[in-house]
Protein backbone atom coordinates (compact mmCIF):
# COMPACT_ATOMS: atom_id res chain seq x y z
CA MET A 1 84.89 102.07 141.52
CA PHE A 2 87.59 105.25 141.29
CA LYS A 3 89.75 103.02 139.55
CA LYS A 4 87.25 102.06 136.87
CA ILE A 5 86.08 105.59 136.40
CA LEU A 6 89.70 107.00 136.20
CA ALA A 7 90.35 104.14 133.52
CA VAL A 8 87.21 104.88 131.57
CA SER A 9 87.84 108.33 131.64
CA PHE A 10 91.31 108.11 130.33
CA ILE A 11 90.16 105.42 127.64
CA LEU A 12 87.60 108.04 126.29
CA ILE A 13 90.68 110.56 126.10
CA LEU A 14 92.14 108.29 123.86
CA ILE A 15 89.46 107.40 121.20
CA PHE A 16 90.73 110.56 119.37
CA SER A 17 94.18 108.58 119.23
CA LEU A 18 92.16 105.45 117.65
CA THR A 19 90.11 107.29 114.97
CA SER A 20 92.53 110.24 114.06
CA CYS A 21 93.24 108.94 110.58
CA ALA A 22 94.07 112.56 108.84
CA GLY A 23 93.90 116.01 109.97
CA GLY A 24 90.90 118.30 108.95
CA ASN A 25 87.55 119.23 109.78
CA THR A 26 85.30 116.21 110.82
CA ASP A 27 82.12 118.05 109.60
CA THR A 28 83.65 118.32 105.88
CA ALA A 29 81.92 115.87 103.53
CA SER A 30 83.72 113.57 101.33
CA SER A 31 85.46 115.23 98.25
CA PRO A 32 86.50 113.16 95.43
CA SER A 33 89.21 114.59 93.20
CA PRO A 34 87.91 117.16 90.97
CA SER A 35 86.98 116.00 87.37
CA PRO A 36 86.91 118.92 84.98
CA ALA A 37 84.75 118.11 81.69
CA SER A 38 87.81 118.38 79.52
CA ALA A 39 89.62 115.56 81.41
CA SER A 40 87.02 113.12 80.53
CA ASP A 41 87.59 114.12 76.61
CA LYS A 42 91.28 113.44 77.05
CA GLN A 43 90.61 109.88 77.86
CA ASP A 44 90.81 108.58 74.30
CA GLU A 45 94.04 110.79 73.44
CA ILE A 46 97.39 110.12 74.08
CA PRO A 47 98.31 111.75 77.57
CA PRO A 48 101.24 113.63 77.52
CA GLY A 49 103.85 111.25 78.64
CA GLU A 50 102.65 108.30 76.87
CA VAL A 51 104.49 106.58 73.98
CA VAL A 52 102.32 103.87 72.85
CA PRO A 53 104.13 101.10 70.35
CA PRO A 54 102.71 100.42 67.14
CA GLY A 55 100.45 97.61 66.55
CA GLN A 56 98.26 96.36 69.46
CA LYS A 57 97.37 98.50 72.25
CA SER A 58 94.59 98.02 75.28
CA PRO A 59 91.32 98.29 74.09
CA PRO A 60 88.78 101.00 74.83
CA ASP A 61 86.87 98.74 77.38
CA CYS A 62 89.88 97.51 79.42
CA ILE A 63 89.40 96.63 83.21
CA TRP A 64 91.63 98.59 85.38
CA THR A 65 92.24 98.13 89.07
CA ILE A 66 94.18 99.68 91.79
CA ASN A 67 94.37 98.05 94.85
CA GLY A 68 96.61 97.93 98.00
CA THR A 69 97.15 97.25 101.39
CA VAL A 70 98.71 99.72 104.09
CA GLU A 71 99.77 98.05 107.68
CA GLY A 72 101.64 99.46 110.68
CA SER A 73 101.80 100.86 114.03
CA VAL A 74 102.19 104.34 115.39
CA ASP A 75 103.73 104.65 118.84
CA ILE A 76 101.68 107.35 120.74
CA ALA A 77 103.45 106.66 124.25
CA ALA A 78 105.48 109.95 123.69
CA GLU A 79 102.67 111.87 122.86
CA GLN A 80 100.19 110.86 125.65
CA GLY A 81 103.51 110.54 128.20
CA LEU A 82 102.90 107.02 129.00
CA PRO A 83 105.01 103.58 127.80
CA GLY A 84 103.22 100.92 126.57
CA MET A 85 100.52 102.47 124.39
CA SER A 86 100.25 102.24 120.50
CA VAL A 87 97.63 102.11 117.58
CA ASN A 88 97.93 99.43 115.15
CA TYR A 89 96.23 99.97 111.69
CA ILE A 90 95.01 98.41 108.31
CA PHE A 91 93.87 100.21 105.38
CA ASP A 92 92.58 98.22 102.51
CA LEU A 93 91.80 100.03 99.13
CA LEU A 94 90.32 98.64 96.23
CA PHE A 95 89.38 100.56 93.17
CA TYR A 96 88.61 99.64 89.35
CA LYS A 97 87.19 101.27 86.28
CA THR A 98 85.96 99.46 82.94
CA ASP A 99 86.79 101.75 80.31
CA GLY A 100 89.63 103.85 78.73
CA ASN A 101 92.72 102.85 76.89
CA TYR A 102 94.94 104.34 79.75
CA PRO A 103 95.05 104.22 83.43
CA SER A 104 93.66 107.83 83.57
CA GLY A 105 89.87 108.32 84.30
CA GLN A 106 87.25 107.66 87.02
CA TYR A 107 87.57 105.24 89.36
CA SER A 108 85.10 103.68 91.93
CA GLY A 109 86.02 101.76 94.80
CA SER A 110 85.78 100.91 98.64
CA ILE A 111 88.11 101.72 101.51
CA TYR A 112 88.44 99.87 104.68
CA VAL A 113 90.10 100.82 107.98
CA HIS A 114 90.92 98.79 110.84
CA THR A 115 92.35 100.57 114.16
CA LYS A 116 93.36 99.21 117.52
CA LEU A 117 94.43 101.10 120.42
CA GLU A 118 96.84 99.15 122.46
CA ALA A 119 96.30 100.63 125.95
CA SER A 120 96.08 98.15 128.31
CA ASP A 121 99.87 98.18 129.45
CA ALA A 122 99.54 102.00 129.88
CA ILE A 123 96.75 102.27 131.84
CA LEU A 124 97.58 99.39 134.38
CA ASN A 125 100.91 101.15 134.60
CA LEU A 126 98.91 103.94 135.68
CA LEU A 127 96.72 102.53 137.94
CA LYS A 128 99.42 100.25 139.60
CA ASN A 129 99.53 102.11 142.69
CA LEU A 130 95.80 102.51 143.11
CA PRO A 131 93.77 100.04 145.48
CA GLY A 132 91.35 97.76 143.97
CA GLY A 133 91.10 95.03 141.09
CA MET A 134 90.96 95.48 137.70
CA MET A 135 94.42 94.30 136.91
CA ASP A 136 93.11 91.65 134.54
CA THR A 137 90.95 94.06 132.36
CA ASP A 138 91.37 94.41 128.68
CA PHE A 139 91.49 98.14 127.89
CA ASN A 140 92.44 97.70 124.50
CA LEU A 141 89.70 99.68 122.12
CA GLU A 142 89.23 98.41 118.19
CA ALA A 143 87.25 100.18 115.67
CA TYR A 144 86.72 99.95 111.72
CA SER A 145 85.63 101.94 108.99
CA LEU A 146 83.97 100.62 105.54
CA ARG A 147 83.18 103.11 103.08
CA ARG A 148 81.75 101.91 99.75
CA LEU A 149 81.23 103.42 96.20
CA PHE A 150 83.77 106.24 96.73
CA ILE A 151 84.67 107.73 93.43
CA MET A 152 88.12 109.09 92.55
CA ASN A 153 89.80 110.23 89.66
CA VAL A 154 93.59 109.45 88.20
CA TYR A 155 95.28 111.62 85.76
CA ASN A 156 98.56 111.63 83.99
CA TYR A 157 100.40 114.31 86.34
CA ARG A 158 101.00 116.70 82.99
CA ILE A 159 97.21 117.04 82.84
CA PHE A 160 96.97 117.13 86.47
CA GLU A 161 99.25 120.09 86.85
CA ASP A 162 97.38 121.90 84.23
CA LYS A 163 94.28 121.88 86.20
CA PHE A 164 94.98 121.50 89.98
CA VAL A 165 97.41 122.49 92.97
CA TRP A 166 99.40 118.99 94.10
CA LEU A 167 98.66 119.46 97.67
CA GLN A 168 102.16 118.64 99.66
CA ILE A 169 102.81 115.15 100.90
CA PHE A 170 105.85 113.34 102.54
CA ASP A 171 107.64 110.07 102.10
CA GLU A 172 108.81 107.70 105.14
CA SER A 173 111.91 110.34 105.31
CA GLY A 174 110.07 113.43 105.70
CA ASN A 175 111.10 114.69 102.11
CA SER A 176 108.25 116.19 100.24
CA VAL A 177 106.80 114.11 97.22
CA ILE A 178 106.06 115.48 93.65
CA PRO A 179 104.96 113.12 90.97
CA ALA A 180 107.32 113.14 87.91
CA SER A 181 105.42 114.53 84.63
CA ASP A 182 105.30 110.83 82.84
CA GLU A 183 103.74 109.56 85.96
CA TYR A 184 99.89 109.12 86.77
CA ALA A 185 98.50 110.53 90.29
CA SER A 186 95.36 110.58 92.24
CA GLN A 187 94.53 113.00 94.94
CA SER A 188 91.61 112.94 97.04
CA ARG A 189 90.09 112.92 100.56
CA VAL A 190 87.37 111.03 101.99
CA SER A 191 85.14 111.06 105.16
CA LEU A 192 85.22 107.82 107.03
CA LYS A 193 82.55 106.71 109.73
CA TYR A 194 84.05 104.62 112.48
CA LYS A 195 82.14 101.98 114.44
CA SER A 196 83.44 100.40 117.65
CA GLU A 197 84.50 96.43 117.68
CA GLY A 198 84.00 95.56 121.48
CA GLY A 199 86.97 96.28 123.69
CA ALA A 200 87.60 98.31 126.79
CA LEU A 201 84.52 98.08 129.10
CA GLY A 202 81.84 97.96 126.44
CA ILE A 203 82.90 101.60 125.20
CA ASP A 204 80.76 102.22 122.09
CA ILE A 205 82.91 104.65 119.43
CA GLN A 206 81.04 106.28 116.86
CA GLY A 207 83.28 108.77 115.22
CA GLU A 208 84.07 110.33 111.80
CA LYS A 209 87.25 111.47 110.39
CA ILE A 210 88.79 112.73 107.13
CA LEU A 211 91.44 110.72 105.15
CA GLU A 212 93.69 112.17 102.89
CA MET A 213 94.85 109.95 99.94
CA ARG A 214 97.29 110.01 97.02
CA PHE A 215 98.49 107.64 94.64
CA ILE A 216 101.41 107.86 92.44
CA ILE A 217 101.66 105.41 89.54
CA GLU A 218 105.12 104.45 87.86
CA PRO A 219 105.33 105.67 84.33
CA ASN A 220 105.42 103.95 81.33
CA THR A 221 109.22 104.11 81.11
CA ALA A 222 109.22 101.55 83.98
CA MET A 223 107.20 99.01 81.97
CA GLY A 224 108.04 99.84 78.40
CA ASP A 225 106.07 98.50 75.33
CA ALA A 226 105.11 95.39 77.14
CA PHE A 227 102.37 97.31 79.20
CA TYR A 228 100.23 97.69 75.84
CA THR A 229 101.42 94.89 73.96
CA THR A 230 100.44 91.85 76.16
CA ASP A 231 97.22 90.66 77.57
CA THR A 232 97.56 92.24 80.89
CA GLY A 233 100.01 94.60 82.58
CA SER A 234 100.75 95.83 85.89
CA ARG A 235 102.54 98.72 87.72
CA LYS A 236 103.47 99.77 91.18
CA VAL A 237 101.57 102.36 92.98
CA LYS A 238 102.67 104.31 95.88
CA ILE A 239 100.33 105.01 98.43
CA TYR A 240 100.43 108.07 100.92
CA LEU A 241 97.69 108.19 103.39
CA GLY A 242 97.33 111.32 105.70
CA TYR A 243 97.34 110.04 109.34
CA GLY A 244 97.14 112.60 112.01
CA GLU A 245 99.96 114.96 111.54
CA SER A 246 102.23 112.74 109.36
CA TRP A 247 101.74 110.47 106.29
CA ILE A 248 102.20 106.81 106.30
CA THR A 249 103.19 105.00 103.22
CA GLY A 250 102.69 101.61 101.41
CA GLU A 251 102.51 100.06 97.91
CA GLY A 252 99.82 99.00 95.71
CA THR A 253 99.22 97.77 92.21
CA LEU A 254 97.78 98.80 89.16
CA THR A 255 96.18 96.04 87.13
CA ARG A 256 95.21 95.92 83.32
CA GLN A 257 93.09 93.00 82.55
CA PRO A 258 91.51 91.78 79.19
CA GLY A 259 88.54 94.08 78.22
CA GLY A 260 85.40 92.96 75.89
CA GLU A 261 81.65 92.84 77.10
CA GLU A 262 82.09 89.70 78.43
CA ASN A 263 84.77 90.28 80.51
CA VAL A 264 83.74 93.48 81.91
CA SER A 265 80.05 91.51 82.70
CA LYS A 266 81.94 88.67 84.60
CA TYR A 267 84.20 91.18 86.72
CA LEU A 268 81.45 93.33 87.75
CA ALA A 269 79.48 90.00 88.71
CA GLU A 270 81.93 89.17 90.76
CA LEU A 271 83.35 92.31 92.09
CA PRO A 272 85.45 91.75 95.23
CA SER A 273 83.80 93.06 98.56
CA LEU A 274 85.84 94.30 101.55
CA GLY A 275 83.10 93.78 103.51
CA ASP A 276 83.24 90.14 102.78
CA LYS A 277 86.74 89.99 103.23
CA TYR A 278 86.66 91.22 106.73
CA GLY A 279 83.13 90.13 107.64
CA VAL A 280 81.88 93.96 108.45
CA GLU A 281 78.78 95.72 107.36
CA PRO A 282 79.47 99.30 105.64
CA THR A 283 79.53 102.40 108.11
CA ASP A 284 78.77 105.16 105.32
């Protein structure tokens, strides 16, 4: 019994590690990027940094999508002082908008997060010299969050720079990252509610954390005129996510699909669902 109580207490202490997707006050409500009235007025203008070729350009009702999946593992053994402990994570992001000649504008989307605390080896090592059983118990712990209908804004960075402050973020090497003047950028923070998926001794997790999220889209110069003169186009998106005291990074894709009322209606009718993809219910 003592062994079980010790193990349960230890896991409860580690729950924060499982759901700590970003720093910040968990009471803070989700806060999409600010959307000043003047930003929407500039949707039909050529944003600074854009060089649009003569002739065909993307129509005003294009379908724009931003998606990306970030996967990885954080070794928390050093932080907790025990070997054999880590957090594995998956962030799946899907955003879209159905208007505008350019990638800038307001996007709707959803965010799925899955985290798994691998704690069995660490706990069994902690308990190995104590009497009793439980050596076959699974002490790993899993939780997920699915946030729907989150709104974020993408700006040409020159426009963003005129209106807002770009908060400091870091790349994989710890270097500060600032978008170039001809890149598009998004900066937002979202409140995520977590729900447990079974695991360690039936403990149920109900938590809420703030995720800091940044997108930087490669500039028009990387794509050239083809981005506007072909039926479809895509650009790479660098993803930065606030995770605890650090930033984790990954890559996504901005895609321009053909517009038109028929195409837009079909896309919205067949809108991808992260809930269906992972077989989970929303937690928001």
